[in-house]
């Protein structure tokens, strides 16, 4: 996928209820629940992080390289950013390729994701180690807003930070390693919405 990623993200208390609503709306299931592992890369000077760019290697049903540019806020607070993504043959070989170029894995994070399509939007149901979220992607702010309304979401509760940026808000309080956003690392920790400075949209 090459182009722009335009999306709105929301923190959800009851993801199953949202999924049932999607099914009521006859949304199409395009990716059943799958476990994702992600590695974010940077160089020794953290140039990508400092310029709000992302270089990621993901493993779900395939291995994928992704580059994301800085986010821009669009109409209604929706975020849009340049995105280049393509499938690679082998996750480990891709990792070695990046390391040979001088990049190193600086963050590991994982989640479970289920993806639906409704009208012209994709709806991702995400289960992270610190909570559940929904991302709505579409070509326009109007499409995304309409889908959020159909799902009964509070638009004002939109989350404008990435998943790792949210994690950074709570990691210090619980003495967590910033590079490890994993289910194992957070198994004994109960991070609250207040820790993340977000509110539920459902």
N, C-alpha and C. Protein backbone atom coordinates (compact mmCIF):
# COMPACT_ATOMS: atom_id res chain seq x y z
N UNK A 1 0.85 -1.19 0.00
CA UNK A 1 0.00 0.00 0.00
C UNK A 1 0.88 1.24 0.00
N UNK A 2 0.70 2.09 -0.99
CA UNK A 2 1.45 3.33 -1.08
C UNK A 2 0.49 4.49 -1.19
N UNK A 3 0.70 5.51 -0.40
CA UNK A 3 -0.19 6.66 -0.43
C UNK A 3 -0.25 7.31 0.92
N UNK A 4 -1.47 7.60 1.39
CA UNK A 4 -1.64 8.23 2.69
C UNK A 4 -2.57 7.40 3.57
N UNK A 5 -2.22 7.32 4.83
CA UNK A 5 -3.05 6.67 5.83
C UNK A 5 -3.84 7.77 6.53
N UNK A 6 -5.16 7.71 6.41
CA UNK A 6 -6.02 8.70 7.05
C UNK A 6 -6.93 7.94 8.00
N UNK A 7 -6.86 8.27 9.29
CA UNK A 7 -7.56 7.45 10.27
C UNK A 7 -7.95 8.23 11.51
N UNK A 8 -8.86 7.64 12.25
CA UNK A 8 -9.23 8.10 13.59
C UNK A 8 -9.16 6.91 14.53
N UNK A 9 -8.62 7.14 15.73
CA UNK A 9 -8.43 6.06 16.71
C UNK A 9 -9.24 6.38 17.97
N UNK A 10 -9.83 5.33 18.57
CA UNK A 10 -10.63 5.51 19.78
C UNK A 10 -10.34 4.40 20.78
N UNK A 11 -10.32 4.77 22.05
CA UNK A 11 -10.20 3.79 23.13
C UNK A 11 -11.59 3.25 23.43
N UNK A 12 -11.69 1.92 23.57
CA UNK A 12 -12.98 1.25 23.71
C UNK A 12 -12.99 0.41 25.00
N UNK A 13 -14.10 0.46 25.71
CA UNK A 13 -14.25 -0.37 26.91
C UNK A 13 -14.77 -1.76 26.57
N UNK A 14 -15.62 -1.86 25.54
CA UNK A 14 -16.25 -3.14 25.20
C UNK A 14 -16.10 -3.38 23.70
N UNK A 15 -15.00 -3.99 23.33
CA UNK A 15 -14.71 -4.22 21.91
C UNK A 15 -15.68 -5.23 21.30
N UNK A 16 -16.13 -6.19 22.09
CA UNK A 16 -17.06 -7.19 21.59
C UNK A 16 -18.38 -6.55 21.18
N UNK A 17 -18.83 -5.57 21.93
CA UNK A 17 -20.07 -4.87 21.59
C UNK A 17 -19.92 -4.14 20.26
N UNK A 18 -18.76 -3.54 20.03
CA UNK A 18 -18.50 -2.87 18.76
C UNK A 18 -18.53 -3.87 17.61
N UNK A 19 -17.95 -5.04 17.84
CA UNK A 19 -17.93 -6.06 16.79
C UNK A 19 -19.34 -6.54 16.47
N UNK A 20 -20.16 -6.71 17.48
CA UNK A 20 -21.55 -7.11 17.24
C UNK A 20 -22.30 -6.04 16.45
N UNK A 21 -22.02 -4.79 16.74
CA UNK A 21 -22.63 -3.70 15.99
C UNK A 21 -22.19 -3.74 14.52
N UNK A 22 -20.93 -4.02 14.28
CA UNK A 22 -20.44 -4.14 12.91
C UNK A 22 -21.16 -5.26 12.16
N UNK A 23 -21.38 -6.35 12.86
CA UNK A 23 -22.09 -7.47 12.25
C UNK A 23 -23.55 -7.10 11.96
N UNK A 24 -24.17 -6.34 12.85
CA UNK A 24 -25.53 -5.86 12.61
C UNK A 24 -25.59 -4.99 11.36
N UNK A 25 -24.53 -4.22 11.13
CA UNK A 25 -24.46 -3.32 9.98
C UNK A 25 -24.02 -4.03 8.71
N UNK A 26 -23.85 -5.35 8.80
CA UNK A 26 -23.44 -6.18 7.65
C UNK A 26 -22.04 -5.82 7.15
N UNK A 27 -21.18 -5.41 8.07
CA UNK A 27 -19.79 -5.15 7.70
C UNK A 27 -19.13 -6.46 7.29
N UNK A 28 -18.19 -6.38 6.37
CA UNK A 28 -17.51 -7.57 5.87
C UNK A 28 -16.24 -7.84 6.68
N UNK A 29 -16.11 -9.04 7.19
CA UNK A 29 -14.89 -9.43 7.88
C UNK A 29 -13.81 -9.72 6.84
N UNK A 30 -12.77 -8.92 6.80
CA UNK A 30 -11.73 -9.12 5.78
C UNK A 30 -10.43 -9.68 6.36
N UNK A 31 -10.30 -9.64 7.69
CA UNK A 31 -9.15 -10.28 8.34
C UNK A 31 -9.57 -10.76 9.72
N UNK A 32 -9.78 -12.07 9.91
CA UNK A 32 -10.10 -12.58 11.25
C UNK A 32 -8.99 -12.23 12.25
N UNK A 33 -9.33 -12.34 13.51
CA UNK A 33 -8.39 -11.99 14.59
C UNK A 33 -7.04 -12.67 14.38
N UNK A 34 -6.00 -11.86 14.42
CA UNK A 34 -4.65 -12.37 14.17
C UNK A 34 -3.67 -11.68 15.11
N UNK A 35 -2.65 -12.40 15.51
CA UNK A 35 -1.61 -11.85 16.37
C UNK A 35 -0.56 -11.14 15.53
N UNK A 36 -0.20 -9.93 15.93
CA UNK A 36 0.83 -9.16 15.23
C UNK A 36 2.03 -8.95 16.15
N UNK A 37 3.21 -9.08 15.58
CA UNK A 37 4.42 -8.62 16.26
C UNK A 37 5.06 -7.55 15.39
N UNK A 38 5.56 -6.52 16.04
CA UNK A 38 6.11 -5.37 15.32
C UNK A 38 7.47 -4.99 15.90
N UNK A 39 8.37 -4.65 15.03
CA UNK A 39 9.66 -4.08 15.41
C UNK A 39 9.77 -2.71 14.77
N UNK A 40 10.07 -1.70 15.58
CA UNK A 40 10.31 -0.36 15.06
C UNK A 40 11.82 -0.12 15.07
N UNK A 41 12.32 0.41 13.97
CA UNK A 41 13.76 0.59 13.79
C UNK A 41 14.12 2.07 13.76
N UNK A 42 15.37 2.33 14.15
CA UNK A 42 15.93 3.68 14.05
C UNK A 42 17.44 3.56 13.97
N UNK A 43 18.11 4.67 13.70
CA UNK A 43 19.57 4.65 13.71
C UNK A 43 20.08 5.10 15.07
N UNK A 44 21.38 5.13 15.24
CA UNK A 44 21.96 5.43 16.54
C UNK A 44 21.65 6.84 17.01
N UNK A 45 21.36 7.74 16.07
CA UNK A 45 21.04 9.13 16.42
C UNK A 45 19.55 9.38 16.61
N UNK A 46 18.75 8.33 16.48
CA UNK A 46 17.29 8.43 16.60
C UNK A 46 16.70 9.46 15.64
N UNK A 47 17.25 9.50 14.44
CA UNK A 47 16.80 10.49 13.46
C UNK A 47 15.35 10.30 13.06
N UNK A 48 14.90 9.06 12.93
CA UNK A 48 13.52 8.82 12.54
C UNK A 48 12.56 9.29 13.63
N UNK A 49 12.85 8.92 14.85
CA UNK A 49 11.98 9.33 15.96
C UNK A 49 11.92 10.84 16.08
N UNK A 50 13.05 11.50 15.98
CA UNK A 50 13.09 12.95 16.15
C UNK A 50 12.36 13.69 15.04
N UNK A 51 12.24 13.06 13.88
CA UNK A 51 11.53 13.69 12.75
C UNK A 51 10.11 13.10 12.57
N UNK A 52 9.64 12.36 13.58
CA UNK A 52 8.28 11.80 13.61
C UNK A 52 8.01 10.86 12.43
N UNK A 53 9.04 10.12 12.04
CA UNK A 53 8.88 9.11 11.01
C UNK A 53 9.01 7.73 11.64
N UNK A 54 8.43 6.73 10.97
CA UNK A 54 8.42 5.37 11.49
C UNK A 54 8.91 4.41 10.42
N UNK A 55 9.83 3.54 10.81
CA UNK A 55 10.27 2.43 9.97
C UNK A 55 9.98 1.15 10.74
N UNK A 56 9.08 0.34 10.19
CA UNK A 56 8.55 -0.80 10.95
C UNK A 56 8.62 -2.08 10.14
N UNK A 57 8.89 -3.17 10.86
CA UNK A 57 8.80 -4.52 10.29
C UNK A 57 7.74 -5.27 11.09
N UNK A 58 6.72 -5.75 10.39
CA UNK A 58 5.58 -6.39 11.05
C UNK A 58 5.44 -7.84 10.57
N UNK A 59 5.04 -8.71 11.51
CA UNK A 59 4.70 -10.08 11.16
C UNK A 59 3.27 -10.35 11.58
N UNK A 60 2.38 -10.60 10.61
CA UNK A 60 1.05 -11.11 10.92
C UNK A 60 0.89 -12.37 10.07
N UNK A 61 -0.02 -12.38 9.10
CA UNK A 61 -0.08 -13.54 8.22
C UNK A 61 1.04 -13.50 7.18
N UNK A 62 1.66 -12.31 7.04
CA UNK A 62 2.82 -12.11 6.17
C UNK A 62 3.81 -11.19 6.88
N UNK A 63 4.99 -11.06 6.32
CA UNK A 63 5.96 -10.09 6.83
C UNK A 63 5.86 -8.83 5.98
N UNK A 64 5.87 -7.66 6.63
CA UNK A 64 5.65 -6.41 5.90
C UNK A 64 6.60 -5.32 6.38
N UNK A 65 7.17 -4.59 5.42
CA UNK A 65 7.90 -3.36 5.69
C UNK A 65 6.93 -2.20 5.62
N UNK A 66 7.06 -1.25 6.55
CA UNK A 66 6.22 -0.05 6.51
C UNK A 66 7.05 1.18 6.84
N UNK A 67 6.87 2.22 6.05
CA UNK A 67 7.40 3.55 6.37
C UNK A 67 6.23 4.50 6.55
N UNK A 68 6.27 5.32 7.60
CA UNK A 68 5.24 6.33 7.82
C UNK A 68 5.91 7.68 8.04
N UNK A 69 5.37 8.70 7.38
CA UNK A 69 5.87 10.05 7.56
C UNK A 69 5.21 10.73 8.74
N UNK A 70 5.55 11.99 8.98
CA UNK A 70 4.93 12.73 10.09
C UNK A 70 3.42 12.87 9.88
N UNK A 71 2.68 12.91 10.97
CA UNK A 71 1.23 13.06 10.90
C UNK A 71 0.84 14.51 10.67
N UNK A 72 -0.24 14.71 9.92
CA UNK A 72 -0.84 16.02 9.72
C UNK A 72 -2.29 15.94 10.17
N UNK A 73 -2.74 16.95 10.89
CA UNK A 73 -4.12 16.95 11.36
C UNK A 73 -5.02 17.53 10.27
N UNK A 74 -6.07 16.78 9.94
CA UNK A 74 -7.00 17.19 8.91
C UNK A 74 -8.32 17.63 9.53
N UNK A 75 -9.32 17.78 8.69
CA UNK A 75 -10.64 18.21 9.12
C UNK A 75 -11.19 17.31 10.23
N UNK A 76 -11.71 17.93 11.26
CA UNK A 76 -12.31 17.18 12.35
C UNK A 76 -11.30 16.51 13.27
N UNK A 77 -10.04 16.86 13.16
CA UNK A 77 -9.02 16.29 14.02
C UNK A 77 -8.46 14.96 13.55
N UNK A 78 -8.91 14.48 12.39
CA UNK A 78 -8.41 13.22 11.84
C UNK A 78 -6.95 13.38 11.43
N UNK A 79 -6.18 12.34 11.64
CA UNK A 79 -4.76 12.37 11.31
C UNK A 79 -4.49 11.67 9.98
N UNK A 80 -3.59 12.26 9.21
CA UNK A 80 -3.20 11.67 7.93
C UNK A 80 -1.68 11.73 7.82
N UNK A 81 -1.11 10.67 7.26
CA UNK A 81 0.34 10.65 7.08
C UNK A 81 0.69 9.79 5.87
N UNK A 82 1.82 10.10 5.26
CA UNK A 82 2.28 9.30 4.14
C UNK A 82 2.62 7.90 4.64
N UNK A 83 2.24 6.89 3.86
CA UNK A 83 2.51 5.51 4.23
C UNK A 83 2.94 4.72 3.01
N UNK A 84 4.03 3.98 3.15
CA UNK A 84 4.50 3.05 2.13
C UNK A 84 4.62 1.69 2.80
N UNK A 85 3.93 0.70 2.26
CA UNK A 85 3.97 -0.64 2.86
C UNK A 85 4.00 -1.69 1.77
N UNK A 86 4.82 -2.71 2.00
CA UNK A 86 4.89 -3.82 1.04
C UNK A 86 5.30 -5.09 1.76
N UNK A 87 4.91 -6.20 1.17
CA UNK A 87 5.20 -7.52 1.73
C UNK A 87 6.62 -7.93 1.38
N UNK A 88 7.30 -8.56 2.34
CA UNK A 88 8.64 -9.11 2.11
C UNK A 88 8.58 -10.62 2.33
N UNK A 89 9.53 -11.32 1.74
CA UNK A 89 9.46 -12.78 1.75
C UNK A 89 9.70 -13.39 3.12
N UNK A 90 10.63 -12.79 3.89
CA UNK A 90 11.05 -13.43 5.14
C UNK A 90 11.32 -12.37 6.20
N UNK A 91 10.67 -12.52 7.36
CA UNK A 91 10.81 -11.54 8.44
C UNK A 91 12.25 -11.42 8.92
N UNK A 92 12.91 -12.54 9.19
CA UNK A 92 14.26 -12.50 9.75
C UNK A 92 15.26 -11.93 8.75
N UNK A 93 15.10 -12.28 7.49
CA UNK A 93 16.00 -11.72 6.48
C UNK A 93 15.81 -10.21 6.36
N UNK A 94 14.57 -9.76 6.45
CA UNK A 94 14.29 -8.33 6.40
C UNK A 94 14.91 -7.61 7.59
N UNK A 95 14.84 -8.25 8.74
CA UNK A 95 15.46 -7.64 9.93
C UNK A 95 16.98 -7.51 9.74
N UNK A 96 17.60 -8.55 9.24
CA UNK A 96 19.04 -8.52 9.01
C UNK A 96 19.41 -7.47 7.97
N UNK A 97 18.55 -7.29 6.98
CA UNK A 97 18.77 -6.29 5.95
C UNK A 97 18.83 -4.89 6.57
N UNK A 98 17.87 -4.57 7.43
CA UNK A 98 17.85 -3.27 8.08
C UNK A 98 19.06 -3.07 8.98
N UNK A 99 19.42 -4.12 9.71
CA UNK A 99 20.57 -4.02 10.61
C UNK A 99 21.86 -3.81 9.82
N UNK A 100 21.94 -4.43 8.64
CA UNK A 100 23.13 -4.25 7.79
C UNK A 100 23.25 -2.82 7.29
N UNK A 101 22.12 -2.12 7.20
CA UNK A 101 22.11 -0.72 6.77
C UNK A 101 22.37 0.24 7.93
N UNK A 102 22.54 -0.29 9.13
CA UNK A 102 22.84 0.56 10.28
C UNK A 102 21.66 0.88 11.17
N UNK A 103 20.50 0.28 10.89
CA UNK A 103 19.34 0.46 11.75
C UNK A 103 19.33 -0.61 12.84
N UNK A 104 18.68 -0.30 13.94
CA UNK A 104 18.52 -1.28 15.02
C UNK A 104 17.08 -1.26 15.52
N UNK A 105 16.63 -2.40 15.99
CA UNK A 105 15.27 -2.48 16.54
C UNK A 105 15.26 -1.78 17.89
N UNK A 106 14.43 -0.75 18.02
CA UNK A 106 14.40 0.03 19.25
C UNK A 106 13.12 -0.21 20.06
N UNK A 107 12.09 -0.75 19.41
CA UNK A 107 10.83 -1.03 20.10
C UNK A 107 10.24 -2.33 19.58
N UNK A 108 9.79 -3.16 20.50
CA UNK A 108 8.97 -4.34 20.17
C UNK A 108 7.58 -4.08 20.70
N UNK A 109 6.57 -4.30 19.88
CA UNK A 109 5.20 -4.24 20.41
C UNK A 109 4.32 -5.23 19.67
N UNK A 110 3.27 -5.64 20.35
CA UNK A 110 2.39 -6.66 19.79
C UNK A 110 0.94 -6.32 20.08
N UNK A 111 0.06 -6.91 19.28
CA UNK A 111 -1.37 -6.76 19.50
C UNK A 111 -2.10 -7.85 18.74
N UNK A 112 -3.38 -8.00 19.04
CA UNK A 112 -4.29 -8.81 18.24
C UNK A 112 -5.17 -7.85 17.46
N UNK A 113 -5.39 -8.16 16.19
CA UNK A 113 -6.18 -7.27 15.32
C UNK A 113 -7.20 -8.05 14.53
N UNK A 114 -8.43 -7.52 14.47
CA UNK A 114 -9.50 -8.02 13.62
C UNK A 114 -9.93 -6.88 12.71
N UNK A 115 -10.10 -7.13 11.41
CA UNK A 115 -10.38 -6.06 10.47
C UNK A 115 -11.68 -6.29 9.72
N UNK A 116 -12.51 -5.26 9.71
CA UNK A 116 -13.78 -5.27 8.97
C UNK A 116 -13.76 -4.15 7.92
N UNK A 117 -14.62 -4.30 6.93
CA UNK A 117 -14.87 -3.23 5.97
C UNK A 117 -16.34 -2.86 6.02
N UNK A 118 -16.61 -1.56 6.14
CA UNK A 118 -17.98 -1.05 6.13
C UNK A 118 -18.01 0.14 5.19
N UNK A 119 -18.83 0.01 4.15
CA UNK A 119 -18.87 1.03 3.10
C UNK A 119 -17.45 1.22 2.56
N UNK A 120 -16.92 2.43 2.64
CA UNK A 120 -15.57 2.67 2.11
C UNK A 120 -14.53 2.83 3.21
N UNK A 121 -14.81 2.29 4.38
CA UNK A 121 -13.84 2.39 5.47
C UNK A 121 -13.42 1.01 5.95
N UNK A 122 -12.21 0.95 6.49
CA UNK A 122 -11.72 -0.24 7.18
C UNK A 122 -11.77 0.04 8.68
N UNK A 123 -12.24 -0.91 9.43
CA UNK A 123 -12.34 -0.78 10.88
C UNK A 123 -11.48 -1.87 11.51
N UNK A 124 -10.46 -1.46 12.24
CA UNK A 124 -9.55 -2.38 12.91
C UNK A 124 -9.87 -2.44 14.41
N UNK A 125 -10.15 -3.63 14.89
CA UNK A 125 -10.39 -3.85 16.31
C UNK A 125 -9.09 -4.35 16.92
N UNK A 126 -8.48 -3.54 17.76
CA UNK A 126 -7.15 -3.82 18.28
C UNK A 126 -7.16 -4.13 19.78
N UNK A 127 -6.52 -5.22 20.14
CA UNK A 127 -6.34 -5.60 21.54
C UNK A 127 -4.86 -5.47 21.88
N UNK A 128 -4.54 -4.49 22.71
CA UNK A 128 -3.17 -4.23 23.11
C UNK A 128 -2.95 -4.67 24.55
N UNK A 129 -1.70 -4.75 24.99
CA UNK A 129 -1.44 -5.15 26.37
C UNK A 129 -2.04 -4.22 27.41
N UNK A 130 -2.34 -2.96 27.04
CA UNK A 130 -2.89 -2.02 28.01
C UNK A 130 -4.33 -1.60 27.71
N UNK A 131 -5.00 -2.23 26.75
CA UNK A 131 -6.39 -1.86 26.49
C UNK A 131 -6.83 -2.18 25.08
N UNK A 132 -8.08 -1.85 24.80
CA UNK A 132 -8.67 -2.16 23.49
C UNK A 132 -9.01 -0.86 22.75
N UNK A 133 -8.79 -0.90 21.45
CA UNK A 133 -8.96 0.30 20.62
C UNK A 133 -9.62 -0.07 19.30
N UNK A 134 -10.13 0.95 18.64
CA UNK A 134 -10.65 0.80 17.30
C UNK A 134 -10.02 1.89 16.43
N UNK A 135 -9.57 1.51 15.24
CA UNK A 135 -9.07 2.46 14.26
C UNK A 135 -9.99 2.41 13.05
N UNK A 136 -10.36 3.57 12.56
CA UNK A 136 -11.19 3.67 11.36
C UNK A 136 -10.38 4.38 10.29
N UNK A 137 -10.15 3.72 9.17
CA UNK A 137 -9.40 4.29 8.07
C UNK A 137 -10.32 4.50 6.87
N UNK A 138 -10.13 5.60 6.18
CA UNK A 138 -10.92 5.89 5.00
C UNK A 138 -10.24 6.93 4.13
N UNK A 139 -10.86 7.21 2.99
CA UNK A 139 -10.29 8.19 2.06
C UNK A 139 -10.59 9.62 2.50
N UNK A 140 -11.67 9.81 3.24
CA UNK A 140 -12.06 11.17 3.61
C UNK A 140 -12.49 11.24 5.07
N UNK A 141 -12.42 12.46 5.61
CA UNK A 141 -12.87 12.68 6.98
C UNK A 141 -14.36 12.39 7.12
N UNK A 142 -15.13 12.70 6.09
CA UNK A 142 -16.57 12.46 6.14
C UNK A 142 -16.90 10.98 6.27
N UNK A 143 -16.20 10.14 5.49
CA UNK A 143 -16.42 8.70 5.56
C UNK A 143 -16.11 8.16 6.95
N UNK A 144 -14.99 8.60 7.49
CA UNK A 144 -14.56 8.13 8.81
C UNK A 144 -15.55 8.59 9.88
N UNK A 145 -15.97 9.84 9.79
CA UNK A 145 -16.91 10.38 10.76
C UNK A 145 -18.25 9.63 10.70
N UNK A 146 -18.70 9.34 9.49
CA UNK A 146 -19.97 8.62 9.34
C UNK A 146 -19.90 7.23 9.98
N UNK A 147 -18.78 6.53 9.77
CA UNK A 147 -18.62 5.20 10.37
C UNK A 147 -18.59 5.29 11.89
N UNK A 148 -17.89 6.29 12.41
CA UNK A 148 -17.85 6.47 13.87
C UNK A 148 -19.25 6.71 14.42
N UNK A 149 -20.05 7.47 13.71
CA UNK A 149 -21.42 7.72 14.15
C UNK A 149 -22.25 6.43 14.13
N UNK A 150 -22.08 5.62 13.10
CA UNK A 150 -22.81 4.36 13.00
C UNK A 150 -22.47 3.43 14.15
N UNK A 151 -21.25 3.54 14.64
CA UNK A 151 -20.80 2.68 15.74
C UNK A 151 -21.08 3.30 17.11
N UNK A 152 -21.67 4.49 17.11
CA UNK A 152 -22.02 5.14 18.36
C UNK A 152 -20.83 5.65 19.15
N UNK A 153 -19.78 6.06 18.46
CA UNK A 153 -18.57 6.52 19.14
C UNK A 153 -18.61 8.02 19.41
N UNK A 154 -18.04 8.40 20.52
CA UNK A 154 -17.91 9.81 20.90
C UNK A 154 -16.72 10.40 20.16
N UNK A 155 -17.01 11.25 19.18
CA UNK A 155 -15.95 11.81 18.34
C UNK A 155 -14.93 12.60 19.16
N UNK A 156 -15.40 13.26 20.21
CA UNK A 156 -14.51 14.09 21.03
C UNK A 156 -13.50 13.26 21.83
N UNK A 157 -13.72 11.94 21.88
CA UNK A 157 -12.79 11.07 22.62
C UNK A 157 -11.70 10.50 21.71
N UNK A 158 -11.59 11.01 20.50
CA UNK A 158 -10.57 10.52 19.57
C UNK A 158 -9.18 10.59 20.19
N UNK A 159 -8.41 9.52 19.98
CA UNK A 159 -7.03 9.44 20.48
C UNK A 159 -6.08 9.88 19.37
N UNK A 160 -5.25 10.87 19.64
CA UNK A 160 -4.39 11.42 18.60
C UNK A 160 -2.93 11.03 18.75
N UNK A 161 -2.68 10.05 19.62
CA UNK A 161 -1.31 9.55 19.81
C UNK A 161 -1.22 8.12 19.31
N UNK A 162 -0.04 7.72 18.87
CA UNK A 162 0.19 6.35 18.45
C UNK A 162 0.23 5.42 19.66
N UNK A 163 0.20 4.12 19.37
CA UNK A 163 0.15 3.15 20.46
C UNK A 163 1.39 3.20 21.34
N UNK A 164 2.55 3.38 20.76
CA UNK A 164 3.74 3.43 21.60
C UNK A 164 3.83 4.75 22.36
N UNK A 165 3.39 5.84 21.72
CA UNK A 165 3.38 7.13 22.42
C UNK A 165 2.46 7.07 23.63
N UNK A 166 1.34 6.37 23.52
CA UNK A 166 0.46 6.18 24.68
C UNK A 166 1.18 5.40 25.77
N UNK A 167 1.88 4.36 25.37
CA UNK A 167 2.60 3.53 26.32
C UNK A 167 3.63 4.35 27.10
N UNK A 168 4.26 5.30 26.43
CA UNK A 168 5.27 6.13 27.08
C UNK A 168 4.67 6.94 28.23
N UNK A 169 3.39 7.26 28.12
CA UNK A 169 2.74 8.05 29.18
C UNK A 169 2.64 7.29 30.50
N UNK A 170 2.62 5.96 30.41
CA UNK A 170 2.42 5.16 31.62
C UNK A 170 3.65 4.38 32.05
N UNK A 171 4.61 4.21 31.15
CA UNK A 171 5.75 3.33 31.42
C UNK A 171 6.54 3.76 32.66
N UNK A 172 6.76 5.05 32.80
CA UNK A 172 7.54 5.53 33.94
C UNK A 172 6.87 5.24 35.27
N UNK A 173 5.56 5.41 35.32
CA UNK A 173 4.82 5.19 36.55
C UNK A 173 4.95 3.77 37.06
N UNK A 174 4.98 2.81 36.13
CA UNK A 174 5.03 1.40 36.51
C UNK A 174 6.42 0.77 36.30
N UNK A 175 7.40 1.63 36.04
CA UNK A 175 8.78 1.16 35.86
C UNK A 175 8.87 0.08 34.76
N UNK A 176 8.27 0.38 33.63
CA UNK A 176 8.26 -0.56 32.51
C UNK A 176 9.31 -0.18 31.48
N UNK A 177 9.84 -1.18 30.81
CA UNK A 177 10.84 -0.96 29.77
C UNK A 177 10.15 -0.43 28.52
N UNK A 178 10.55 0.76 28.08
CA UNK A 178 9.88 1.41 26.95
C UNK A 178 9.96 0.62 25.66
N UNK A 179 10.99 -0.20 25.54
CA UNK A 179 11.17 -0.94 24.29
C UNK A 179 10.34 -2.21 24.22
N UNK A 180 9.61 -2.53 25.31
CA UNK A 180 8.89 -3.80 25.37
C UNK A 180 7.41 -3.59 25.66
N UNK A 181 6.65 -3.37 24.62
CA UNK A 181 5.20 -3.25 24.76
C UNK A 181 4.59 -4.61 24.40
N UNK A 182 4.68 -5.52 25.35
CA UNK A 182 4.26 -6.90 25.11
C UNK A 182 3.27 -7.35 26.17
N UNK A 183 2.51 -8.38 25.85
CA UNK A 183 1.56 -8.93 26.82
C UNK A 183 2.30 -9.51 28.02
N UNK A 184 3.45 -10.10 27.79
CA UNK A 184 4.22 -10.68 28.89
C UNK A 184 4.72 -9.60 29.84
N UNK A 185 5.23 -8.50 29.29
CA UNK A 185 5.79 -7.43 30.11
C UNK A 185 4.74 -6.73 30.96
N UNK A 186 3.50 -6.69 30.46
CA UNK A 186 2.43 -5.99 31.18
C UNK A 186 1.45 -6.93 31.87
N UNK A 187 1.83 -8.19 31.96
CA UNK A 187 0.93 -9.21 32.50
C UNK A 187 0.45 -8.88 33.91
N UNK A 188 1.30 -8.31 34.74
CA UNK A 188 0.95 -8.05 36.13
C UNK A 188 0.66 -6.57 36.40
N UNK A 189 0.51 -5.81 35.32
CA UNK A 189 0.29 -4.37 35.46
C UNK A 189 -1.09 -4.00 34.93
N UNK A 190 -1.81 -3.17 35.65
CA UNK A 190 -3.12 -2.70 35.22
C UNK A 190 -3.03 -1.22 34.89
N UNK A 191 -2.80 -0.92 33.62
CA UNK A 191 -2.71 0.47 33.17
C UNK A 191 -4.13 0.99 32.94
N UNK A 192 -4.43 2.16 33.47
CA UNK A 192 -5.77 2.73 33.38
C UNK A 192 -5.83 3.78 32.27
N UNK A 193 -7.05 4.11 31.82
CA UNK A 193 -7.18 5.21 30.84
C UNK A 193 -6.60 6.52 31.37
N UNK A 194 -6.70 6.72 32.69
CA UNK A 194 -6.13 7.93 33.29
C UNK A 194 -4.62 7.96 33.13
N UNK A 195 -3.98 6.79 33.25
CA UNK A 195 -2.54 6.72 33.05
C UNK A 195 -2.15 7.13 31.63
N UNK A 196 -3.02 6.84 30.68
CA UNK A 196 -2.76 7.11 29.28
C UNK A 196 -3.30 8.48 28.83
N UNK A 197 -4.00 9.16 29.73
CA UNK A 197 -4.62 10.46 29.43
C UNK A 197 -5.61 10.37 28.27
N UNK A 198 -6.44 9.32 28.31
CA UNK A 198 -7.47 9.14 27.28
C UNK A 198 -8.80 8.81 27.96
N UNK A 199 -9.88 8.87 27.17
CA UNK A 199 -11.19 8.49 27.69
C UNK A 199 -11.86 7.54 26.71
N UNK A 200 -12.76 6.74 27.22
CA UNK A 200 -13.46 5.77 26.37
C UNK A 200 -14.43 6.49 25.44
N UNK A 201 -14.55 5.97 24.22
CA UNK A 201 -15.44 6.57 23.22
C UNK A 201 -16.77 5.84 23.14
N UNK A 202 -16.89 4.69 23.82
CA UNK A 202 -18.14 3.94 23.75
C UNK A 202 -18.95 4.06 25.04
